[in-house]
Amino acid sequence: MNEASHGQRGLALIGALFVLVVVAALGAFAVRINMTQQHDADLDLQQLRAEAGLNSGVEYAATRLLAPGANCGNLANLNVGGYAVTFNACARVQYVVNSATVNVYTVTLTSSRGVYGTPEFVARTATVRVSSQ
């Protein structure tokens, strides 16, 4: 009888270890899912901030290019909230409409933060047209 009760105690130990391992695995899975969701939320926020920096750059370019005597050389790179707004290209085309000269500027700009290839890197690029008389 002593041998039977000794064997049952060993079986209970194996069952307890199995339950402990399963609970630990579920806990690790829950932590990993939470960290992934947090990283996704941070990336979404960074993308929205890059968009806001890009929109600021577009407004800046429109303001500078619509001023009297404007040209593409009036555009300087910006730093908006930690995001580098870089003007990659700017071209002007002149049209004559009803004997009035209209300048159409095509501007390409990028808003970025972080180092390319790292999880923190985010960038947005846009090409806009600004016209003036």
C-alpha atoms as a PDB file:
ATOM      1  CA  MET A   1       0.000   0.000   0.000  1.00  0.00           C
ATOM      2  CA  ASN A   2       2.929   2.243   0.680  1.00  0.00           C
ATOM      3  CA  GLU A   3       4.119   1.824  -2.913  1.00  0.00           C
ATOM      4  CA  ALA A   4       0.710   2.834  -4.373  1.00  0.00           C
ATOM      5  CA  SER A   5       0.504   6.094  -2.435  1.00  0.00           C
ATOM      6  CA  HIS A   6       4.115   6.926  -3.371  1.00  0.00           C
ATOM      7  CA  GLY A   7       3.279   6.497  -7.077  1.00  0.00           C
ATOM      8  CA  GLN A   8       0.236   8.770  -6.790  1.00  0.00           C
ATOM      9  CA  ARG A   9       2.304  11.558  -5.254  1.00  0.00           C
ATOM     10  CA  GLY A  10       4.658  11.459  -8.237  1.00  0.00           C
ATOM     11  CA  LEU A  11       1.747  11.668 -10.642  1.00  0.00           C
ATOM     12  CA  ALA A  12       0.388  14.741  -8.848  1.00  0.00           C
ATOM     13  CA  LEU A  13       3.805  16.425  -9.142  1.00  0.00           C
ATOM     14  CA  ILE A  14       3.883  15.835 -12.887  1.00  0.00           C
ATOM     15  CA  GLY A  15       0.360  17.254 -13.243  1.00  0.00           C
ATOM     16  CA  ALA A  16       1.262  20.327 -11.152  1.00  0.00           C
ATOM     17  CA  LEU A  17       4.373  20.964 -13.264  1.00  0.00           C
ATOM     18  CA  PHE A  18       2.353  20.639 -16.452  1.00  0.00           C
ATOM     19  CA  VAL A  19      -0.229  23.174 -15.228  1.00  0.00           C
ATOM     20  CA  LEU A  20       2.569  25.524 -14.126  1.00  0.00           C
ATOM     21  CA  VAL A  21       4.243  25.348 -17.545  1.00  0.00           C
ATOM     22  CA  VAL A  22       0.943  25.956 -19.377  1.00  0.00           C
ATOM     23  CA  VAL A  23       0.080  28.980 -17.169  1.00  0.00           C
ATOM     24  CA  ALA A  24       3.585  30.427 -17.665  1.00  0.00           C
ATOM     25  CA  ALA A  25       3.300  29.989 -21.445  1.00  0.00           C
ATOM     26  CA  LEU A  26      -0.086  31.724 -21.486  1.00  0.00           C
ATOM     27  CA  GLY A  27       1.336  34.586 -19.410  1.00  0.00           C
ATOM     28  CA  ALA A  28       4.284  35.003 -21.774  1.00  0.00           C
ATOM     29  CA  PHE A  29       1.917  34.982 -24.756  1.00  0.00           C
ATOM     30  CA  ALA A  30      -0.275  37.666 -23.157  1.00  0.00           C
ATOM     31  CA  VAL A  31       2.754  39.878 -22.462  1.00  0.00           C
ATOM     32  CA  ARG A  32       3.991  39.481 -26.036  1.00  0.00           C
ATOM     33  CA  ILE A  33       0.585  40.352 -27.513  1.00  0.00           C
ATOM     34  CA  ASN A  34       0.396  43.437 -25.280  1.00  0.00           C
ATOM     35  CA  MET A  35       3.869  44.601 -26.347  1.00  0.00           C
ATOM     36  CA  THR A  36       2.999  44.096 -30.027  1.00  0.00           C
ATOM     37  CA  GLN A  37      -0.178  46.143 -29.647  1.00  0.00           C
ATOM     38  CA  GLN A  38       1.745  48.895 -27.850  1.00  0.00           C
ATOM     39  CA  HIS A  39       4.370  48.980 -30.620  1.00  0.00           C
ATOM     40  CA  ASP A  40       1.622  49.183 -33.269  1.00  0.00           C
ATOM     41  CA  ALA A  41      -0.038  52.070 -31.431  1.00  0.00           C
ATOM     42  CA  ASP A  42       3.302  53.907 -31.157  1.00  0.00           C
ATOM     43  CA  LEU A  43       3.956  53.411 -34.876  1.00  0.00           C
ATOM     44  CA  ASP A  44       0.489  54.712 -35.769  1.00  0.00           C
ATOM     45  CA  LEU A  45       1.130  57.808 -33.644  1.00  0.00           C
ATOM     46  CA  GLN A  46       4.510  58.386 -35.315  1.00  0.00           C
ATOM     47  CA  GLN A  47       2.891  58.077 -38.744  1.00  0.00           C
ATOM     48  CA  LEU A  48       0.255  60.663 -37.828  1.00  0.00           C
ATOM     49  CA  ARG A  49       2.950  63.014 -36.563  1.00  0.00           C
ATOM     50  CA  ALA A  50       4.923  62.553 -39.796  1.00  0.00           C
ATOM     51  CA  GLU A  51       1.754  63.444 -41.729  1.00  0.00           C
ATOM     52  CA  ALA A  52       1.330  66.572 -39.594  1.00  0.00           C
ATOM     53  CA  GLY A  53       4.954  67.548 -40.268  1.00  0.00           C
ATOM     54  CA  LEU A  54       4.374  67.001 -43.974  1.00  0.00           C
ATOM     55  CA  ASN A  55       1.260  69.180 -43.909  1.00  0.00           C
ATOM     56  CA  SER A  56       3.230  71.909 -42.123  1.00  0.00           C
ATOM     57  CA  GLY A  57       5.852  71.721 -44.854  1.00  0.00           C
ATOM     58  CA  VAL A  58       3.182  72.059 -47.540  1.00  0.00           C
ATOM     59  CA  GLU A  59       1.743  75.147 -45.824  1.00  0.00           C
ATOM     60  CA  TYR A  60       5.233  76.615 -45.449  1.00  0.00           C
ATOM     61  CA  ALA A  61       6.006  76.007 -49.147  1.00  0.00           C
ATOM     62  CA  ALA A  62       2.710  77.552 -50.244  1.00  0.00           C
ATOM     63  CA  THR A  63       3.326  80.631 -48.095  1.00  0.00           C
ATOM     64  CA  ARG A  64       6.866  81.102 -49.384  1.00  0.00           C
ATOM     65  CA  LEU A  65       6.006  80.464 -53.037  1.00  0.00           C
ATOM     66  CA  LEU A  66       2.958  82.739 -53.077  1.00  0.00           C
ATOM     67  CA  ALA A  67       4.964  85.719 -51.790  1.00  0.00           C
ATOM     68  CA  PRO A  68       5.960  88.404 -54.323  1.00  0.00           C
ATOM     69  CA  GLY A  69       9.233  87.582 -56.062  1.00  0.00           C
ATOM     70  CA  ALA A  70       9.111  83.963 -54.916  1.00  0.00           C
ATOM     71  CA  ASN A  71      11.212  81.210 -56.399  1.00  0.00           C
ATOM     72  CA  CYS A  72      12.155  77.656 -55.488  1.00  0.00           C
ATOM     73  CA  GLY A  73      15.276  78.910 -53.725  1.00  0.00           C
ATOM     74  CA  ASN A  74      13.059  80.401 -50.992  1.00  0.00           C
ATOM     75  CA  LEU A  75      12.395  76.953 -49.511  1.00  0.00           C
ATOM     76  CA  ALA A  76      14.522  75.862 -46.561  1.00  0.00           C
ATOM     77  CA  ASN A  77      14.363  72.497 -44.809  1.00  0.00           C
ATOM     78  CA  LEU A  78      12.436  72.469 -41.532  1.00  0.00           C
ATOM     79  CA  ASN A  79      12.369  70.636 -38.225  1.00  0.00           C
ATOM     80  CA  VAL A  80       8.764  70.245 -37.079  1.00  0.00           C
ATOM     81  CA  GLY A  81       8.332  68.510 -33.733  1.00  0.00           C
ATOM     82  CA  GLY A  82      11.416  66.358 -34.192  1.00  0.00           C
ATOM     83  CA  TYR A  83      10.527  65.433 -37.777  1.00  0.00           C
ATOM     84  CA  ALA A  84      12.854  66.577 -40.555  1.00  0.00           C
ATOM     85  CA  VAL A  85      10.895  68.151 -43.413  1.00  0.00           C
ATOM     86  CA  THR A  86      13.091  68.088 -46.505  1.00  0.00           C
ATOM     87  CA  PHE A  87      12.268  69.745 -49.826  1.00  0.00           C
ATOM     88  CA  ASN A  88      13.498  67.259 -52.420  1.00  0.00           C
ATOM     89  CA  ALA A  89      12.495  69.047 -55.609  1.00  0.00           C
ATOM     90  CA  CYS A  90      10.866  72.248 -56.764  1.00  0.00           C
ATOM     91  CA  ALA A  91      10.083  73.271 -60.325  1.00  0.00           C
ATOM     92  CA  ARG A  92       8.259  76.278 -61.759  1.00  0.00           C
ATOM     93  CA  VAL A  93       6.278  76.448 -64.978  1.00  0.00           C
ATOM     94  CA  GLN A  94       4.781  79.722 -66.219  1.00  0.00           C
ATOM     95  CA  TYR A  95       1.522  79.922 -68.128  1.00  0.00           C
ATOM     96  CA  VAL A  96      -0.204  82.933 -69.675  1.00  0.00           C
ATOM     97  CA  VAL A  97      -3.939  82.864 -69.078  1.00  0.00           C
ATOM     98  CA  ASN A  98      -6.032  85.797 -70.383  1.00  0.00           C
ATOM     99  CA  SER A  99      -2.877  87.911 -70.605  1.00  0.00           C
ATOM    100  CA  ALA A 100      -2.015  87.158 -66.949  1.00  0.00           C
ATOM    101  CA  THR A 101       1.066  85.154 -66.020  1.00  0.00           C
ATOM    102  CA  VAL A 102       0.390  82.226 -63.720  1.00  0.00           C
ATOM    103  CA  ASN A 103       3.266  80.448 -61.964  1.00  0.00           C
ATOM    104  CA  VAL A 104       2.719  76.781 -61.114  1.00  0.00           C
ATOM    105  CA  TYR A 105       5.237  75.298 -58.683  1.00  0.00           C
ATOM    106  CA  THR A 106       5.573  71.539 -58.247  1.00  0.00           C
ATOM    107  CA  VAL A 107       7.156  70.735 -54.893  1.00  0.00           C
ATOM    108  CA  THR A 108       8.189  67.311 -53.580  1.00  0.00           C
ATOM    109  CA  LEU A 109       8.883  67.056 -49.857  1.00  0.00           C
ATOM    110  CA  THR A 110       9.519  64.380 -47.240  1.00  0.00           C
ATOM    111  CA  SER A 111       8.835  64.305 -43.516  1.00  0.00           C
ATOM    112  CA  SER A 112      10.901  61.702 -41.633  1.00  0.00           C
ATOM    113  CA  ARG A 113      12.193  60.686 -38.220  1.00  0.00           C
ATOM    114  CA  GLY A 114      14.575  57.958 -37.120  1.00  0.00           C
ATOM    115  CA  VAL A 115      17.155  55.909 -38.966  1.00  0.00           C
ATOM    116  CA  TYR A 116      16.134  53.908 -42.005  1.00  0.00           C
ATOM    117  CA  GLY A 117      16.002  50.193 -41.243  1.00  0.00           C
ATOM    118  CA  THR A 118      15.140  50.583 -37.550  1.00  0.00           C
ATOM    119  CA  PRO A 119      11.674  50.004 -36.054  1.00  0.00           C
ATOM    120  CA  GLU A 120      11.444  53.691 -35.076  1.00  0.00           C
ATOM    121  CA  PHE A 121      11.858  54.962 -38.655  1.00  0.00           C
ATOM    122  CA  VAL A 122       8.852  56.666 -40.214  1.00  0.00           C
ATOM    123  CA  ALA A 123       8.627  58.810 -43.359  1.00  0.00           C
ATOM    124  CA  ARG A 124       5.995  60.377 -45.563  1.00  0.00           C
ATOM    125  CA  THR A 125       6.496  61.954 -49.000  1.00  0.00           C
ATOM    126  CA  ALA A 126       4.168  64.205 -50.980  1.00  0.00           C
ATOM    127  CA  THR A 127       4.180  66.104 -54.253  1.00  0.00           C
ATOM    128  CA  VAL A 128       2.015  69.226 -54.351  1.00  0.00           C
ATOM    129  CA  ARG A 129       1.306  71.969 -56.851  1.00  0.00           C
ATOM    130  CA  VAL A 130       1.027  75.620 -55.845  1.00  0.00           C
ATOM    131  CA  SER A 131      -0.127  78.236 -58.311  1.00  0.00           C
ATOM    132  CA  SER A 132       0.088  82.018 -58.172  1.00  0.00           C
ATOM    133  CA  GLN A 133      -0.564  84.983 -60.431  1.00  0.00           C
END
